[in-house]
């Protein structure tokens, strides 16, 4: 196979041969003029050959770089795929554990309700259940309902938690999840009220940035653009380094 340089040089060699053949029957001036033209062509042709060679080398280098980049990309994608499989597996295990936990809570509730029904049937008053669960157990029971998608039940459980434990370290979280439970059911106006209660009742709680963000998102769902923008601006201004501030900036850009 001819190289690009040889392919381009062949026509020039033929031209030189023809020029030599014509030299014997042409005038001297014609020969000199023709020779000068051929010299010029030779120089031009040589430059072109060098340029083609350089382009060929660059092309090969580019191909090699692309192959290397592609191999590196494929390796990175394989690693990411493995990590994703691990995360998905962990999520599935956590979901199974949450479902099991939810079933256990439901079983306890059913037994308690059955016991209360039996007591009422015997003319006795139902037991006072306010002290059965400690704050952590009560909170986890409510959250298990939310995680299992039982949003109405979760909202009621969190309200019950706040009724008995209004001033614990997770009381602001319980108030926040009441809002989330309503939001998940599509009741955006009521969700806004509950999220606002997080800000008003627990101003120093760590759920305030998230509550403000969700107020903005819920208002956006209701097409209350001005109120949504106000909430997003508030998150960005008051909590500029929080993850919620980054999300608020994205949401704010979508409103414009």
Protein backbone atom coordinates (compact mmCIF):
# COMPACT_ATOMS: atom_id res chain seq x y z
CA UNK A 1 0.00 0.00 0.00
CA UNK A 2 1.30 3.46 -0.88
CA UNK A 3 1.71 5.99 1.89
CA UNK A 4 -0.05 9.36 1.51
CA UNK A 5 3.29 10.97 0.74
CA UNK A 6 4.04 8.53 -2.12
CA UNK A 7 0.54 8.86 -3.50
CA UNK A 8 0.92 12.62 -3.78
CA UNK A 9 4.52 12.41 -5.06
CA UNK A 10 3.76 10.04 -7.98
CA UNK A 11 2.12 12.61 -10.26
CA UNK A 12 5.10 14.92 -9.79
CA UNK A 13 7.56 12.18 -10.81
CA UNK A 14 5.56 11.56 -13.99
CA UNK A 15 5.64 15.27 -14.75
CA UNK A 16 9.43 15.31 -14.43
CA UNK A 17 9.78 12.37 -16.82
CA UNK A 18 7.58 14.04 -19.40
CA UNK A 19 9.51 17.25 -18.99
CA UNK A 20 12.77 15.39 -19.63
CA UNK A 21 11.36 13.76 -22.72
CA UNK A 22 10.27 17.07 -24.09
CA UNK A 23 13.61 18.75 -23.46
CA UNK A 24 15.19 17.40 -26.62
CA UNK A 25 12.64 18.91 -28.97
CA UNK A 26 11.78 22.20 -27.23
CA UNK A 27 13.59 25.58 -27.34
CA UNK A 28 15.99 26.40 -24.51
CA UNK A 29 13.84 29.17 -23.05
CA UNK A 30 10.87 26.85 -23.00
CA UNK A 31 12.91 24.25 -21.18
CA UNK A 32 14.12 26.75 -18.60
CA UNK A 33 10.63 28.11 -18.03
CA UNK A 34 9.24 24.62 -17.75
CA UNK A 35 12.02 23.61 -15.39
CA UNK A 36 11.35 26.63 -13.17
CA UNK A 37 7.68 25.76 -13.08
CA UNK A 38 8.52 22.19 -12.21
CA UNK A 39 10.87 23.33 -9.46
CA UNK A 40 8.10 25.47 -8.04
CA UNK A 41 5.69 22.59 -8.29
CA UNK A 42 8.24 20.31 -6.64
CA UNK A 43 8.58 22.69 -3.71
CA UNK A 44 4.82 23.06 -3.38
CA UNK A 45 4.34 19.32 -3.69
CA UNK A 46 6.94 18.65 -1.00
CA UNK A 47 5.21 21.09 1.33
CA UNK A 48 1.89 19.43 0.69
CA UNK A 49 3.36 15.99 1.36
CA UNK A 50 4.80 17.17 4.67
CA UNK A 51 1.46 18.68 5.63
CA UNK A 52 -0.35 15.47 4.76
CA UNK A 53 2.15 13.47 6.81
CA UNK A 54 1.64 15.78 9.79
CA UNK A 55 -2.13 15.49 9.46
CA UNK A 56 -1.85 11.71 9.28
CA UNK A 57 0.22 11.65 12.44
CA UNK A 58 -2.22 13.95 14.24
CA UNK A 59 -5.10 11.78 13.11
CA UNK A 60 -3.42 8.66 14.47
CA UNK A 61 -2.63 10.46 17.74
CA UNK A 62 -6.26 11.61 17.98
CA UNK A 63 -7.50 8.09 17.35
CA UNK A 64 -5.16 6.76 20.01
CA UNK A 65 -6.31 9.43 22.47
CA UNK A 66 -9.95 8.67 21.73
CA UNK A 67 -9.37 4.97 22.29
CA UNK A 68 -7.64 5.68 25.58
CA UNK A 69 -10.39 8.07 26.64
CA UNK A 70 -13.07 5.58 25.63
CA UNK A 71 -11.37 2.82 27.61
CA UNK A 72 -11.06 5.10 30.62
CA UNK A 73 -14.71 6.12 30.32
CA UNK A 74 -15.83 2.52 30.06
CA UNK A 75 -13.79 1.66 33.14
CA UNK A 76 -15.29 4.53 35.11
CA UNK A 77 -18.79 3.57 33.98
CA UNK A 78 -18.18 -0.01 35.09
CA UNK A 79 -17.05 1.20 38.52
CA UNK A 80 -20.07 3.49 38.80
CA UNK A 81 -22.35 0.64 37.80
CA UNK A 82 -20.86 -1.54 40.54
CA UNK A 83 -21.33 1.21 43.11
CA UNK A 84 -24.90 1.75 41.94
CA UNK A 85 -25.61 -1.96 42.32
CA UNK A 86 -24.29 -1.81 45.89
CA UNK A 87 -26.42 1.25 46.71
CA UNK A 88 -29.53 -0.32 45.16
CA UNK A 89 -28.91 -3.48 47.14
CA UNK A 90 -28.57 -1.48 50.35
CA UNK A 91 -31.76 0.44 49.59
CA UNK A 92 -33.63 -2.78 48.97
CA UNK A 93 -32.41 -4.22 52.26
CA UNK A 94 -33.36 -1.03 54.11
CA UNK A 95 -36.79 -1.07 52.49
CA UNK A 96 -37.32 -4.67 53.57
CA UNK A 97 -36.28 -3.79 57.11
CA UNK A 98 -38.63 -0.80 57.15
CA UNK A 99 -41.48 -2.96 55.88
CA UNK A 100 -40.78 -5.57 58.55
CA UNK A 101 -40.69 -2.86 61.17
CA UNK A 102 -43.96 -1.43 59.88
CA UNK A 103 -45.59 -4.87 60.04
CA UNK A 104 -44.45 -5.28 63.63
CA UNK A 105 -45.92 -1.89 64.54
CA UNK A 106 -49.19 -2.81 62.82
CA UNK A 107 -49.29 -6.10 64.72
CA UNK A 108 -48.81 -4.32 68.04
CA UNK A 109 -51.54 -1.82 67.17
CA UNK A 110 -53.95 -4.58 66.18
CA UNK A 111 -53.33 -6.41 69.45
CA UNK A 112 -53.78 -3.21 71.44
CA UNK A 113 -57.02 -2.40 69.60
CA UNK A 114 -58.29 -5.95 70.14
CA UNK A 115 -57.45 -5.72 73.83
CA UNK A 116 -59.24 -2.37 74.11
CA UNK A 117 -62.28 -3.76 72.32
CA UNK A 118 -62.38 -6.67 74.75
CA UNK A 119 -62.15 -4.30 77.70
CA UNK A 120 -65.00 -2.18 76.35
CA UNK A 121 -67.09 -5.32 75.75
CA UNK A 122 -66.60 -6.23 79.40
CA UNK A 123 -67.73 -2.78 80.51
CA UNK A 124 -64.23 -1.60 81.27
CA UNK A 125 -62.60 1.61 80.04
CA UNK A 126 -59.88 1.38 77.35
CA UNK A 127 -56.36 1.57 78.64
CA UNK A 128 -54.49 4.88 78.67
CA UNK A 129 -51.89 4.34 75.99
CA UNK A 130 -50.16 7.69 76.37
CA UNK A 131 -47.25 6.17 78.24
CA UNK A 132 -46.80 2.93 76.32
CA UNK A 133 -44.12 4.16 73.90
CA UNK A 134 -41.18 6.34 74.81
CA UNK A 135 -40.46 9.34 72.53
CA UNK A 136 -37.98 7.49 70.33
CA UNK A 137 -40.29 4.52 69.82
CA UNK A 138 -43.26 6.77 69.10
CA UNK A 139 -41.28 8.78 66.57
CA UNK A 140 -39.91 5.69 64.81
CA UNK A 141 -43.39 4.18 64.66
CA UNK A 142 -44.71 7.32 62.96
CA UNK A 143 -41.78 7.50 60.58
CA UNK A 144 -42.19 3.85 59.61
CA UNK A 145 -45.71 4.69 58.44
CA UNK A 146 -44.37 7.53 56.31
CA UNK A 147 -41.58 5.39 54.84
CA UNK A 148 -44.13 2.71 53.95
CA UNK A 149 -46.29 5.25 52.10
CA UNK A 150 -49.05 5.35 54.71
CA UNK A 151 -49.05 9.14 54.66
CA UNK A 152 -52.40 9.78 56.34
CA UNK A 153 -51.57 7.40 59.16
CA UNK A 154 -48.09 8.92 59.45
CA UNK A 155 -49.50 12.42 59.78
CA UNK A 156 -51.84 11.29 62.54
CA UNK A 157 -49.01 9.47 64.34
CA UNK A 158 -46.74 12.50 64.21
CA UNK A 159 -49.54 14.70 65.55
CA UNK A 160 -50.04 12.25 68.38
CA UNK A 161 -46.29 12.34 69.04
CA UNK A 162 -46.34 16.14 69.29
CA UNK A 163 -49.35 16.03 71.57
CA UNK A 164 -47.37 13.98 74.10
CA UNK A 165 -43.82 15.15 73.33
CA UNK A 166 -43.88 18.76 72.04
CA UNK A 167 -40.39 19.73 73.20
CA UNK A 168 -38.00 16.89 72.36
CA UNK A 169 -34.98 17.09 70.08
CA UNK A 170 -37.03 15.63 67.22
CA UNK A 171 -40.25 17.58 67.77
CA UNK A 172 -39.37 19.93 64.91
CA UNK A 173 -38.76 16.89 62.73
CA UNK A 174 -42.17 15.49 63.65
CA UNK A 175 -43.79 18.80 62.71
CA UNK A 176 -41.89 18.78 59.41
CA UNK A 177 -43.04 15.25 58.57
CA UNK A 178 -46.64 16.25 59.15
CA UNK A 179 -46.13 18.74 56.34
CA UNK A 180 -44.44 16.13 54.17
CA UNK A 181 -47.29 13.69 54.77
CA UNK A 182 -49.80 16.26 53.55
CA UNK A 183 -47.60 17.24 50.61
CA UNK A 184 -47.35 13.59 49.56
CA UNK A 185 -51.16 13.44 49.52
CA UNK A 186 -51.33 16.49 47.27
CA UNK A 187 -52.80 18.77 49.95
CA UNK A 188 -50.39 21.64 49.26
CA UNK A 189 -52.25 24.43 51.13
CA UNK A 190 -52.39 22.37 54.34
CA UNK A 191 -48.77 21.29 53.84
CA UNK A 192 -47.70 24.95 53.67
CA UNK A 193 -49.43 25.63 57.00
CA UNK A 194 -47.62 22.72 58.67
CA UNK A 195 -44.25 23.66 57.18
CA UNK A 196 -44.79 27.22 58.38
CA UNK A 197 -45.39 25.80 61.89
CA UNK A 198 -41.85 24.39 61.79
CA UNK A 199 -40.46 27.88 61.17
CA UNK A 200 -42.71 29.57 63.74
CA UNK A 201 -42.61 26.98 66.54
CA UNK A 202 -39.04 25.74 66.16
CA UNK A 203 -37.08 28.70 64.72
CA UNK A 204 -33.75 27.25 65.89
CA UNK A 205 -34.44 23.73 64.70
CA UNK A 206 -32.41 22.10 61.95
CA UNK A 207 -35.54 21.51 59.84
CA UNK A 208 -36.21 25.20 59.22
CA UNK A 209 -34.24 25.41 55.92
CA UNK A 210 -36.02 22.31 54.58
CA UNK A 211 -39.40 23.65 55.71
CA UNK A 212 -38.82 26.98 53.94
CA UNK A 213 -37.74 25.16 50.81
CA UNK A 214 -40.88 23.00 50.82
CA UNK A 215 -43.06 26.08 51.39
CA UNK A 216 -41.57 27.47 48.20
CA UNK A 217 -42.03 24.22 46.28
CA UNK A 218 -45.64 23.85 47.45
CA UNK A 219 -46.40 27.44 46.45
CA UNK A 220 -44.87 26.77 43.06
CA UNK A 221 -47.15 23.75 42.67
CA UNK A 222 -50.08 26.07 43.42
CA UNK A 223 -48.73 28.61 40.88
CA UNK A 224 -48.15 31.13 43.65
CA UNK A 225 -44.96 32.31 41.97
CA UNK A 226 -44.37 35.41 44.11
CA UNK A 227 -44.71 33.46 47.38
CA UNK A 228 -42.53 30.66 46.04
CA UNK A 229 -39.81 33.12 45.03
CA UNK A 230 -39.98 34.77 48.45
CA UNK A 231 -39.42 31.45 50.24
CA UNK A 232 -36.55 30.44 47.96
CA UNK A 233 -34.88 33.83 48.46
CA UNK A 234 -35.27 33.43 52.21
CA UNK A 235 -33.51 30.06 52.18
CA UNK A 236 -30.64 31.40 50.09
CA UNK A 237 -30.25 34.52 52.23
CA UNK A 238 -30.49 32.92 55.67
CA UNK A 239 -28.82 29.57 54.97
CA UNK A 240 -26.45 30.21 52.05
CA UNK A 241 -24.23 27.17 52.65
CA UNK A 242 -26.99 24.65 53.22
CA UNK A 243 -27.97 21.95 50.71
CA UNK A 244 -31.43 23.53 50.69
CA UNK A 245 -29.93 26.81 49.43
CA UNK A 246 -28.48 25.03 46.40
CA UNK A 247 -31.86 23.46 45.67
CA UNK A 248 -33.58 26.81 46.20
CA UNK A 249 -31.31 28.40 43.56
CA UNK A 250 -32.26 25.69 41.08
CA UNK A 251 -35.95 26.12 41.79
CA UNK A 252 -35.64 29.90 41.59
CA UNK A 253 -34.00 29.63 38.18
CA UNK A 254 -36.92 27.49 36.98
CA UNK A 255 -39.38 30.23 37.93
CA UNK A 256 -37.63 32.81 35.75
